[in-house]
């Protein structure tokens, strides 16, 4: 791919429109949270760039919607091959821009590849129906048709997974897309789009825009209001999701929202505590807790609390080497937020179970190690606020009713976990927990293309990956005919 540099010699990440790289006049710095240094620049979208992307997607839709499923399948399978061949390059992008470790980069690429392969095999499952009407002289068919242009807005924390999911399923269903990539990782989003184009995706089917933070409101409003945009999907914070939902409603457009979470993990008295400790540690601290599905509250039965706490401490030390560099958060503000939540809880009577809630900054002020606090109560900010970082609360419970009350005492409802050797009890919990997913004897972080993914309450609505993975991205058309 062609690369351009600005006067300072830094590479500037372009957009994609109509299958071509676009280099806008304005750009902004991209700083690595791992080093605090500018690693490259990114183009910043203006009104003209939005129009070009929309026009390109509109023209491409006229032919892409009629494309054969076998042609789409072959492109997706080729894209999976391209991702594997370019693994090191793509991994460097995400590690440089988000500060994540290689394990998280590889996991992102692996899941994105799996999405491509799985969806390629599901394309034939998108079917219409023939119905029986009340009048025997009239027949009826239900067509399933793509919407048109889908606006996909994906975040930085798992950019290959969430970016892929946001565009792959709509494209597979015959839509064209505009990916509004995160300003935190534009080169990662560019890498994702370049994989599709290298695999032979026709020009205009997938377009990429990125903007500097100051332009977020104007560019987002312009895209959502454009009459050519027919549906929006957004993965991100609940606060921004409310804004996206309101803008979409003003334009009478459907929107799929996958938002924040405050996932509980219930550890019952009959749980396999070794497994529970490992799964809770992973669920809480993978990617430094910067996952919408991260475990944020551990509800432990009082009879096993002491033993579980010892095993949890051991699991954290084993999985997350305390002698290695501290994990990187996306900004110093994220560290500040987590430390403020912990300080508030400790000041109000919580106790420190693991880590140092007030640890001094290490090589950069974006780093923070895992912290677990116990004795969290309802009057503490961390009880309700999503930390989105390496901070987790441990709360003692005694009855199923108490566990459910606390698990559901949140505006969020994305995912949850239950640890018990009694499947009947696990299923009782699963039926009563208000969340989009419940994982019995496994961590709260779980997402795969064959399973519906989305939340309840303020965690959003609609489902990624649902059914064949394509149902959200088609609408029905009823056709009747006289015999």
Protein backbone atom coordinates (compact mmCIF):
# COMPACT_ATOMS: atom_id res chain seq x y z
CA UNK A 1 0.00 0.00 0.00
CA UNK A 2 1.16 3.54 -0.72
CA UNK A 3 2.32 5.54 2.27
CA UNK A 4 2.60 9.29 2.67
CA UNK A 5 4.49 11.41 5.14
CA UNK A 6 3.97 14.95 6.32
CA UNK A 7 6.59 17.63 6.63
CA UNK A 8 7.80 16.16 9.93
CA UNK A 9 8.41 12.81 8.26
CA UNK A 10 5.61 10.99 10.09
CA UNK A 11 3.39 8.57 8.24
CA UNK A 12 -0.16 9.88 7.87
CA UNK A 13 -2.98 7.32 7.89
CA UNK A 14 -5.35 7.79 4.92
CA UNK A 15 -9.05 7.02 4.53
CA UNK A 16 -10.65 4.59 2.11
CA UNK A 17 -13.34 5.74 -0.33
CA UNK A 18 -14.39 4.06 -3.54
CA UNK A 19 -11.61 1.53 -3.09
CA UNK A 20 -8.89 4.17 -3.07
CA UNK A 21 -6.80 5.75 -0.34
CA UNK A 22 -7.77 9.35 0.39
CA UNK A 23 -5.30 11.78 1.96
CA UNK A 24 -7.16 14.77 3.43
CA UNK A 25 -5.53 18.14 3.99
CA UNK A 26 -5.95 18.10 7.76
CA UNK A 27 -4.35 15.57 10.10
CA UNK A 28 -3.69 15.03 13.81
CA UNK A 29 -1.13 13.23 15.99
CA UNK A 30 -1.56 9.65 17.20
CA UNK A 31 0.27 9.06 20.48
CA UNK A 32 1.11 5.60 21.81
CA UNK A 33 -0.16 5.20 25.38
CA UNK A 34 2.68 2.72 26.01
CA UNK A 35 5.43 5.26 25.36
CA UNK A 36 3.76 8.67 25.36
CA UNK A 37 5.35 9.38 21.98
CA UNK A 38 3.74 10.34 18.68
CA UNK A 39 3.93 7.28 16.43
CA UNK A 40 2.25 8.71 13.32
CA UNK A 41 -0.53 11.02 12.22
CA UNK A 42 -4.02 10.43 10.88
CA UNK A 43 -6.18 12.20 8.37
CA UNK A 44 -9.11 14.10 9.87
CA UNK A 45 -12.41 13.93 7.99
CA UNK A 46 -14.22 16.99 6.75
CA UNK A 47 -17.64 17.43 5.13
CA UNK A 48 -16.24 16.69 1.67
CA UNK A 49 -14.81 13.38 2.88
CA UNK A 50 -18.17 12.36 4.29
CA UNK A 51 -19.87 13.09 0.98
CA UNK A 52 -17.26 11.12 -0.95
CA UNK A 53 -17.67 8.09 1.32
CA UNK A 54 -21.46 8.19 1.16
CA UNK A 55 -21.54 8.65 -2.60
CA UNK A 56 -19.09 5.78 -3.06
CA UNK A 57 -21.14 3.45 -0.86
CA UNK A 58 -24.39 4.44 -2.62
CA UNK A 59 -23.01 3.63 -6.08
CA UNK A 60 -21.47 0.35 -4.90
CA UNK A 61 -24.73 -0.78 -3.29
CA UNK A 62 -26.48 -0.96 -6.65
CA UNK A 63 -24.23 -3.85 -7.74
CA UNK A 64 -23.13 -5.36 -4.42
CA UNK A 65 -26.70 -6.07 -3.31
CA UNK A 66 -27.06 -8.30 -6.40
CA UNK A 67 -23.73 -10.08 -5.94
CA UNK A 68 -23.70 -13.87 -5.58
CA UNK A 69 -23.18 -15.44 -2.18
CA UNK A 70 -20.34 -17.54 -3.57
CA UNK A 71 -18.49 -14.38 -4.63
CA UNK A 72 -18.90 -12.86 -1.18
CA UNK A 73 -17.81 -16.15 0.39
CA UNK A 74 -14.64 -16.27 -1.67
CA UNK A 75 -13.73 -12.70 -0.73
CA UNK A 76 -14.19 -13.42 2.98
CA UNK A 77 -12.10 -16.59 2.83
CA UNK A 78 -9.39 -14.73 0.96
CA UNK A 79 -9.52 -11.95 3.57
CA UNK A 80 -8.91 -14.55 6.30
CA UNK A 81 -5.82 -15.70 4.41
CA UNK A 82 -4.62 -12.11 4.04
CA UNK A 83 -5.06 -11.47 7.78
CA UNK A 84 -2.94 -14.48 8.61
CA UNK A 85 -0.22 -13.54 6.13
CA UNK A 86 -0.13 -9.97 7.47
CA UNK A 87 -0.44 -10.98 11.14
CA UNK A 88 2.80 -9.37 12.28
CA UNK A 89 2.07 -6.10 10.47
CA UNK A 90 -1.49 -5.90 11.78
CA UNK A 91 -0.34 -6.82 15.28
CA UNK A 92 2.19 -4.00 15.26
CA UNK A 93 -0.55 -1.49 14.44
CA UNK A 94 -2.78 -2.38 17.38
CA UNK A 95 0.08 -2.71 19.87
CA UNK A 96 1.55 0.64 18.83
CA UNK A 97 -1.73 2.55 18.93
CA UNK A 98 -3.44 1.03 21.99
CA UNK A 99 -0.50 -0.22 24.05
CA UNK A 100 -1.94 -3.72 24.30
CA UNK A 101 0.32 -6.79 24.69
CA UNK A 102 1.03 -9.19 21.83
CA UNK A 103 -1.34 -11.78 23.30
CA UNK A 104 -4.28 -9.37 22.98
CA UNK A 105 -3.23 -8.40 19.45
CA UNK A 106 -3.07 -12.07 18.42
CA UNK A 107 -6.43 -12.76 20.06
CA UNK A 108 -7.99 -9.89 18.13
CA UNK A 109 -6.64 -11.15 14.83
CA UNK A 110 -7.67 -14.75 15.56
CA UNK A 111 -11.26 -13.82 16.40
CA UNK A 112 -11.54 -11.51 13.39
CA UNK A 113 -10.30 -14.35 11.16
CA UNK A 114 -12.82 -16.73 12.72
CA UNK A 115 -15.60 -14.25 11.99
CA UNK A 116 -14.60 -14.19 8.32
CA UNK A 117 -14.47 -17.95 7.99
CA UNK A 118 -17.68 -18.54 9.94
CA UNK A 119 -19.70 -15.92 8.06
CA UNK A 120 -18.41 -17.23 4.72
CA UNK A 121 -20.03 -20.56 5.59
CA UNK A 122 -23.34 -19.01 6.68
CA UNK A 123 -24.17 -16.95 3.62
CA UNK A 124 -26.53 -19.56 2.21
CA UNK A 125 -28.62 -19.46 5.40
CA UNK A 126 -30.23 -16.14 4.57
CA UNK A 127 -33.59 -17.22 3.18
CA UNK A 128 -36.98 -15.76 2.40
CA UNK A 129 -40.27 -17.61 2.95
CA UNK A 130 -43.48 -18.53 1.14
CA UNK A 131 -46.62 -18.18 3.26
CA UNK A 132 -50.19 -19.41 3.09
CA UNK A 133 -52.76 -16.60 2.90
CA UNK A 134 -56.41 -16.48 3.90
CA UNK A 135 -57.43 -16.29 0.23
CA UNK A 136 -56.55 -19.49 -1.69
CA UNK A 137 -56.28 -17.49 -4.91
CA UNK A 138 -53.53 -15.27 -3.50
CA UNK A 139 -49.95 -16.32 -2.87
CA UNK A 140 -47.42 -14.50 -0.70
CA UNK A 141 -43.66 -14.38 -0.43
CA UNK A 142 -41.42 -12.69 2.09
CA UNK A 143 -38.20 -11.31 0.62
CA UNK A 144 -35.20 -10.43 2.77
CA UNK A 145 -33.34 -7.45 1.39
CA UNK A 146 -30.32 -5.42 2.53
CA UNK A 147 -31.00 -1.96 3.93
CA UNK A 148 -28.49 -0.02 1.85
CA UNK A 149 -25.61 1.86 3.46
CA UNK A 150 -24.77 0.90 7.05
CA UNK A 151 -22.83 3.30 9.26
CA UNK A 152 -20.55 1.31 11.56
CA UNK A 153 -18.90 3.00 14.55
CA UNK A 154 -16.33 0.82 16.29
CA UNK A 155 -14.06 1.50 19.31
CA UNK A 156 -10.35 1.09 20.05
CA UNK A 157 -10.30 -1.54 22.80
CA UNK A 158 -10.71 -4.61 20.54
CA UNK A 159 -10.50 -2.95 17.14
CA UNK A 160 -10.02 -5.96 14.89
CA UNK A 161 -12.82 -7.89 16.60
CA UNK A 162 -15.28 -5.04 16.96
CA UNK A 163 -14.32 -3.35 13.70
CA UNK A 164 -14.69 -6.62 11.80
CA UNK A 165 -18.03 -7.40 13.41
CA UNK A 166 -19.38 -3.95 12.66
CA UNK A 167 -18.84 -4.24 8.89
CA UNK A 168 -18.58 -7.94 8.02
CA UNK A 169 -22.16 -8.96 8.83
CA UNK A 170 -23.74 -5.98 7.04
CA UNK A 171 -21.53 -6.54 3.98
CA UNK A 172 -22.32 -10.26 3.97
CA UNK A 173 -26.04 -9.43 3.85
CA UNK A 174 -25.57 -7.25 0.76
CA UNK A 175 -25.23 -3.82 2.34
CA UNK A 176 -22.40 -1.38 1.78
CA UNK A 177 -20.69 0.26 4.72
CA UNK A 178 -18.91 3.29 6.09
CA UNK A 179 -16.67 2.48 9.04
CA UNK A 180 -16.16 5.47 11.31
CA UNK A 181 -12.99 4.25 12.96
CA UNK A 182 -11.73 5.25 16.37
CA UNK A 183 -9.42 8.24 16.46
CA UNK A 184 -7.33 6.28 18.98
CA UNK A 185 -6.31 3.59 16.48
CA UNK A 186 -6.77 4.77 12.88
CA UNK A 187 -3.94 2.69 11.43
CA UNK A 188 -5.44 -0.44 12.96
CA UNK A 189 -8.78 0.38 11.33
CA UNK A 190 -6.96 1.14 8.07
CA UNK A 191 -5.29 -2.26 8.33
CA UNK A 192 -8.66 -3.97 8.72
CA UNK A 193 -10.11 -2.23 5.67
CA UNK A 194 -6.98 -2.85 3.60
CA UNK A 195 -7.36 -6.60 4.24
CA UNK A 196 -10.80 -6.55 2.59
CA UNK A 197 -9.57 -4.55 -0.37
CA UNK A 198 -6.56 -6.81 -0.88
CA UNK A 199 -8.96 -9.76 -0.83
CA UNK A 200 -10.90 -8.29 -3.75
CA UNK A 201 -13.83 -6.48 -2.12
CA UNK A 202 -15.30 -4.19 -4.82
CA UNK A 203 -14.67 -0.46 -4.61
CA UNK A 204 -17.10 1.44 -2.40
CA UNK A 205 -18.44 -1.55 -0.46
CA UNK A 206 -16.30 -0.67 2.58
CA UNK A 207 -15.25 2.93 3.19
CA UNK A 208 -13.24 4.29 6.12
CA UNK A 209 -13.39 7.68 7.82
CA UNK A 210 -11.54 8.93 10.91
CA UNK A 211 -11.72 12.37 12.50
CA UNK A 212 -9.95 14.27 15.23
CA UNK A 213 -11.84 14.39 18.56
CA UNK A 214 -12.91 18.01 18.09
CA UNK A 215 -14.88 17.07 14.97
CA UNK A 216 -16.70 14.10 16.50
CA UNK A 217 -20.10 15.74 16.94
CA UNK A 218 -20.21 17.40 13.52
CA UNK A 219 -19.06 14.38 11.51
CA UNK A 220 -21.28 11.93 13.40
CA UNK A 221 -24.36 14.12 13.02
CA UNK A 222 -23.63 14.62 9.33
CA UNK A 223 -23.35 10.87 8.73
CA UNK A 224 -26.43 9.85 10.69
CA UNK A 225 -28.57 12.57 9.11
CA UNK A 226 -27.57 11.66 5.56
CA UNK A 227 -30.64 10.13 3.86
CA UNK A 228 -28.47 7.52 2.15
CA UNK A 229 -27.48 6.01 5.51
CA UNK A 230 -30.17 3.46 6.36
CA UNK A 231 -29.01 1.88 9.64
CA UNK A 232 -26.35 2.47 12.28
CA UNK A 233 -24.42 0.18 14.57
CA UNK A 234 -22.39 1.55 17.45
CA UNK A 235 -20.18 -0.14 20.02
CA UNK A 236 -18.93 2.09 22.81
CA UNK A 237 -19.89 3.87 26.00
CA UNK A 238 -23.46 4.20 27.20
CA UNK A 239 -23.16 7.99 27.30
CA UNK A 240 -22.22 8.24 23.64
CA UNK A 241 -24.72 5.50 22.79
CA UNK A 242 -27.53 7.68 24.12
CA UNK A 243 -26.41 10.48 21.79
CA UNK A 244 -26.21 8.12 18.80
CA UNK A 245 -29.65 6.71 19.62
CA UNK A 246 -31.18 10.17 19.86
CA UNK A 247 -29.68 11.30 16.54
CA UNK A 248 -30.85 8.11 14.83
CA UNK A 249 -34.34 8.54 16.25
CA UNK A 250 -34.53 12.08 14.87
CA UNK A 251 -33.87 10.63 11.42
CA UNK A 252 -36.18 7.63 12.04
CA UNK A 253 -33.35 5.17 11.49
CA UNK A 254 -32.84 1.82 13.22
CA UNK A 255 -29.73 1.48 15.36
CA UNK A 256 -27.93 -1.42 17.03
CA UNK A 257 -26.21 -0.36 20.26
CA UNK A 258 -23.70 -2.45 22.22
CA UNK A 259 -22.74 -0.29 25.18
CA UNK A 260 -21.16 -0.39 28.62
CA UNK A 261 -21.33 -3.03 31.31
CA UNK A 262 -20.92 -3.74 35.00
CA UNK A 263 -20.69 -7.52 34.76
CA UNK A 264 -21.19 -9.58 37.94
CA UNK A 265 -19.58 -12.95 38.59
CA UNK A 266 -21.40 -15.02 41.23
CA UNK A 267 -19.19 -17.57 43.04
CA UNK A 268 -21.44 -19.97 44.90
CA UNK A 269 -20.43 -22.15 47.86
CA UNK A 270 -20.22 -25.34 45.73
CA UNK A 271 -18.12 -23.76 42.98
CA UNK A 272 -14.83 -25.19 41.73
CA UNK A 273 -12.84 -22.40 43.33
CA UNK A 274 -9.67 -23.02 41.31
CA UNK A 275 -11.60 -22.59 38.07
CA UNK A 276 -13.62 -19.67 39.43
CA UNK A 277 -10.48 -17.82 40.54
CA UNK A 278 -8.80 -18.22 37.14
CA UNK A 279 -11.90 -17.26 35.19
CA UNK A 280 -12.64 -14.24 37.38
CA UNK A 281 -9.03 -13.03 37.12
CA UNK A 282 -9.13 -13.34 33.34
CA UNK A 283 -12.56 -11.75 33.11
CA UNK A 284 -11.54 -8.81 35.26
CA UNK A 285 -8.05 -8.03 33.95
CA UNK A 286 -7.74 -9.09 30.32
CA UNK A 287 -6.66 -6.02 28.31
CA UNK A 288 -6.31 -4.17 31.63
CA UNK A 289 -10.06 -4.45 32.19
CA UNK A 290 -10.78 -2.40 29.07
CA UNK A 291 -13.51 -4.68 27.71
CA UNK A 292 -17.23 -3.94 27.88
CA UNK A 293 -17.75 -7.51 29.15
CA UNK A 294 -15.08 -7.29 31.88
CA UNK A 295 -15.95 -8.66 35.32
CA UNK A 296 -16.51 -5.64 37.57
CA UNK A 297 -18.20 -7.17 40.63
CA UNK A 298 -17.38 -10.53 42.22
CA UNK A 299 -20.22 -11.81 44.42
CA UNK A 300 -18.80 -14.55 46.66
CA UNK A 301 -20.74 -16.82 49.04
CA UNK A 302 -19.67 -16.10 52.63
CA UNK A 303 -18.77 -19.74 53.38
CA UNK A 304 -16.05 -19.83 50.69
CA UNK A 305 -15.01 -16.19 50.66
CA UNK A 306 -11.73 -16.59 52.54
CA UNK A 307 -10.59 -19.57 50.47
CA UNK A 308 -11.65 -17.94 47.21
CA UNK A 309 -9.78 -14.74 48.02
CA UNK A 310 -6.53 -16.69 48.48
CA UNK A 311 -7.03 -18.50 45.19
CA UNK A 312 -7.92 -15.30 43.37
CA UNK A 313 -4.74 -13.59 44.56
CA UNK A 314 -2.72 -16.59 43.42
CA UNK A 315 -4.46 -16.66 40.04
CA UNK A 316 -3.81 -12.96 39.41
CA UNK A 317 -0.12 -13.35 40.24
CA UNK A 318 0.15 -16.44 38.03
CA UNK A 319 -1.63 -14.99 34.99
CA UNK A 320 -0.50 -11.37 35.23
CA UNK A 321 3.20 -11.39 36.17
CA UNK A 322 3.64 -8.75 38.91
CA UNK A 323 7.32 -8.34 37.96
CA UNK A 324 6.53 -7.43 34.34
CA UNK A 325 5.71 -3.93 33.13
CA UNK A 326 2.34 -2.66 34.33
CA UNK A 327 -0.53 -2.98 31.84
CA UNK A 328 -1.26 0.04 29.65
CA UNK A 329 -4.56 1.93 29.70
CA UNK A 330 -5.59 3.97 26.70
CA UNK A 331 -5.15 7.36 28.44
CA UNK A 332 -3.91 8.78 31.71
CA UNK A 333 -7.50 9.90 32.36
CA UNK A 334 -8.54 6.24 32.55
CA UNK A 335 -5.93 5.64 35.26
CA UNK A 336 -7.09 8.73 37.14
CA UNK A 337 -10.71 7.57 36.98
CA UNK A 338 -9.89 4.11 38.35
CA UNK A 339 -7.76 5.46 41.17
CA UNK A 340 -10.50 7.93 42.12
CA UNK A 341 -13.08 5.13 42.29
CA UNK A 342 -10.77 3.06 44.47
CA UNK A 343 -9.90 5.99 46.75
CA UNK A 344 -13.59 6.77 47.28
CA UNK A 345 -14.35 3.16 48.19
CA UNK A 346 -11.40 2.83 50.58
CA UNK A 347 -12.31 6.10 52.25
CA UNK A 348 -15.82 4.76 52.84
CA UNK A 349 -14.73 1.51 54.45
CA UNK A 350 -13.69 -0.90 51.69
CA UNK A 351 -10.49 -2.90 52.20
CA UNK A 352 -7.64 -3.62 49.82
CA UNK A 353 -7.42 -7.30 48.85
CA UNK A 354 -4.88 -7.12 46.03
CA UNK A 355 -2.62 -4.47 44.50
CA UNK A 356 -1.84 -0.85 45.31
CA UNK A 357 -4.75 1.52 44.76
CA UNK A 358 -2.50 4.58 44.92
CA UNK A 359 0.60 3.27 43.17
CA UNK A 360 2.87 5.90 41.66
CA UNK A 361 3.14 6.14 37.88
CA UNK A 362 5.71 3.82 36.34
CA UNK A 363 7.31 4.44 32.93
CA UNK A 364 4.21 6.35 31.78
CA UNK A 365 1.15 7.73 33.56
CA UNK A 366 -1.05 5.43 31.48
CA UNK A 367 -0.03 2.27 33.34
CA UNK A 368 -1.89 0.60 36.19
CA UNK A 369 -1.70 -2.84 37.79
CA UNK A 370 -4.70 -4.98 38.87
CA UNK A 371 -6.47 -3.95 42.06
CA UNK A 372 -9.15 -5.87 43.99
CA UNK A 373 -11.07 -4.29 46.85
CA UNK A 374 -13.44 -6.04 49.26
CA UNK A 375 -16.34 -4.85 51.36
CA UNK A 376 -17.84 -2.68 48.64
CA UNK A 377 -21.17 -1.10 49.59
CA UNK A 378 -23.93 0.72 47.73
CA UNK A 379 -22.78 4.18 48.82
CA UNK A 380 -19.42 3.77 47.05
CA UNK A 381 -19.01 5.15 43.53
CA UNK A 382 -17.39 1.95 42.27
CA UNK A 383 -20.52 -0.02 43.17
CA UNK A 384 -22.38 1.47 40.17
CA UNK A 385 -19.80 3.17 37.95
CA UNK A 386 -18.19 1.18 35.17
CA UNK A 387 -14.46 1.36 35.86
CA UNK A 388 -13.40 0.12 32.41
CA UNK A 389 -10.00 -0.58 33.89
CA UNK A 390 -8.08 -2.98 36.17
CA UNK A 391 -10.26 -2.38 39.24
CA UNK A 392 -12.73 -4.96 40.53
CA UNK A 393 -14.96 -5.18 43.62
CA UNK A 394 -15.55 -8.22 45.81
CA UNK A 395 -18.86 -8.41 47.67
CA UNK A 396 -19.93 -11.11 50.13
CA UNK A 397 -23.35 -12.72 49.61
CA UNK A 398 -25.28 -15.46 51.43
CA UNK A 399 -28.55 -16.21 49.59
CA UNK A 400 -29.61 -16.54 45.97
CA UNK A 401 -32.02 -13.67 46.46
CA UNK A 402 -29.24 -11.41 47.73
CA UNK A 403 -26.92 -12.42 44.87
CA UNK A 404 -29.59 -11.64 42.28
CA UNK A 405 -30.53 -8.34 43.89
CA UNK A 406 -26.92 -7.10 43.77
CA UNK A 407 -26.23 -8.57 40.32
CA UNK A 408 -29.25 -6.71 38.93
CA UNK A 409 -28.70 -3.53 40.95
CA UNK A 410 -27.14 -1.66 38.04
CA UNK A 411 -28.26 0.23 34.97
CA UNK A 412 -26.18 -2.15 32.85
CA UNK A 413 -26.94 -5.64 31.62
CA UNK A 414 -24.43 -6.87 29.07
CA UNK A 415 -22.98 -10.11 30.43
CA UNK A 416 -22.49 -12.09 33.64
CA UNK A 417 -21.04 -15.30 35.07
CA UNK A 418 -22.12 -17.91 37.61
CA UNK A 419 -19.83 -20.49 39.22
CA UNK A 420 -21.57 -23.54 40.67
CA UNK A 421 -21.45 -27.33 40.28
CA UNK A 422 -25.25 -27.48 40.43
CA UNK A 423 -26.50 -26.86 36.89
CA UNK A 424 -30.06 -26.36 38.14
CA UNK A 425 -28.89 -23.53 40.39
CA UNK A 426 -26.84 -22.09 37.57
CA UNK A 427 -29.85 -22.07 35.29
CA UNK A 428 -32.01 -20.48 38.00
CA UNK A 429 -29.50 -17.65 38.20
CA UNK A 430 -29.31 -17.44 34.41
CA UNK A 431 -33.06 -16.96 34.12
CA UNK A 432 -33.15 -14.14 36.65
CA UNK A 433 -30.01 -12.15 35.88
CA UNK A 434 -30.88 -9.16 33.68
CA UNK A 435 -28.19 -9.38 31.03
CA UNK A 436 -27.71 -10.34 27.41
CA UNK A 437 -25.52 -13.32 28.33
CA UNK A 438 -24.86 -15.56 31.33
CA UNK A 439 -21.81 -17.84 31.32
CA UNK A 440 -21.92 -20.76 33.76
CA UNK A 441 -18.45 -21.74 35.05
CA UNK A 442 -16.71 -19.47 32.57
CA UNK A 443 -15.61 -15.83 32.54
CA UNK A 444 -17.86 -12.93 31.62
CA UNK A 445 -15.78 -12.17 28.50
CA UNK A 446 -17.14 -14.33 25.68
CA UNK A 447 -18.06 -13.43 22.11
CA UNK A 448 -18.23 -15.59 18.99
CA UNK A 449 -19.96 -15.21 15.66
CA UNK A 450 -22.51 -18.00 16.11
CA UNK A 451 -23.89 -16.57 19.38
CA UNK A 452 -26.10 -13.48 19.72
CA UNK A 453 -24.19 -10.65 21.37
CA UNK A 454 -25.76 -7.60 22.95
CA UNK A 455 -27.19 -6.26 26.16
CA UNK A 456 -30.21 -5.31 28.21
CA UNK A 457 -31.06 -2.05 29.94
CA UNK A 458 -28.41 0.63 29.45
CA UNK A 459 -26.06 -1.88 27.80
CA UNK A 460 -27.97 -1.35 24.56
CA UNK A 461 -30.34 -3.18 22.27
CA UNK A 462 -30.19 -5.26 19.12
CA UNK A 463 -27.85 -8.19 18.60
CA UNK A 464 -24.63 -8.69 16.74
CA UNK A 465 -23.98 -12.23 15.49
CA UNK A 466 -27.63 -13.19 15.95
CA UNK A 467 -29.09 -16.25 14.17
CA UNK A 468 -27.13 -16.63 10.97
CA UNK A 469 -25.38 -13.41 11.91
CA UNK A 470 -27.21 -11.62 9.11
CA UNK A 471 -30.73 -11.10 10.43
CA UNK A 472 -30.04 -7.62 11.82
CA UNK A 473 -28.85 -6.44 8.41
CA UNK A 474 -31.84 -7.29 6.23
CA UNK A 475 -35.44 -6.11 6.22
CA UNK A 476 -38.44 -8.02 4.98
CA UNK A 477 -40.57 -7.17 1.97
CA UNK A 478 -43.99 -8.77 1.57
CA UNK A 479 -44.99 -9.65 -2.01
CA UNK A 480 -48.46 -11.00 -2.83
CA UNK A 481 -49.66 -12.26 -6.17
CA UNK A 482 -52.89 -13.49 -7.69
CA UNK A 483 -52.94 -17.03 -9.07
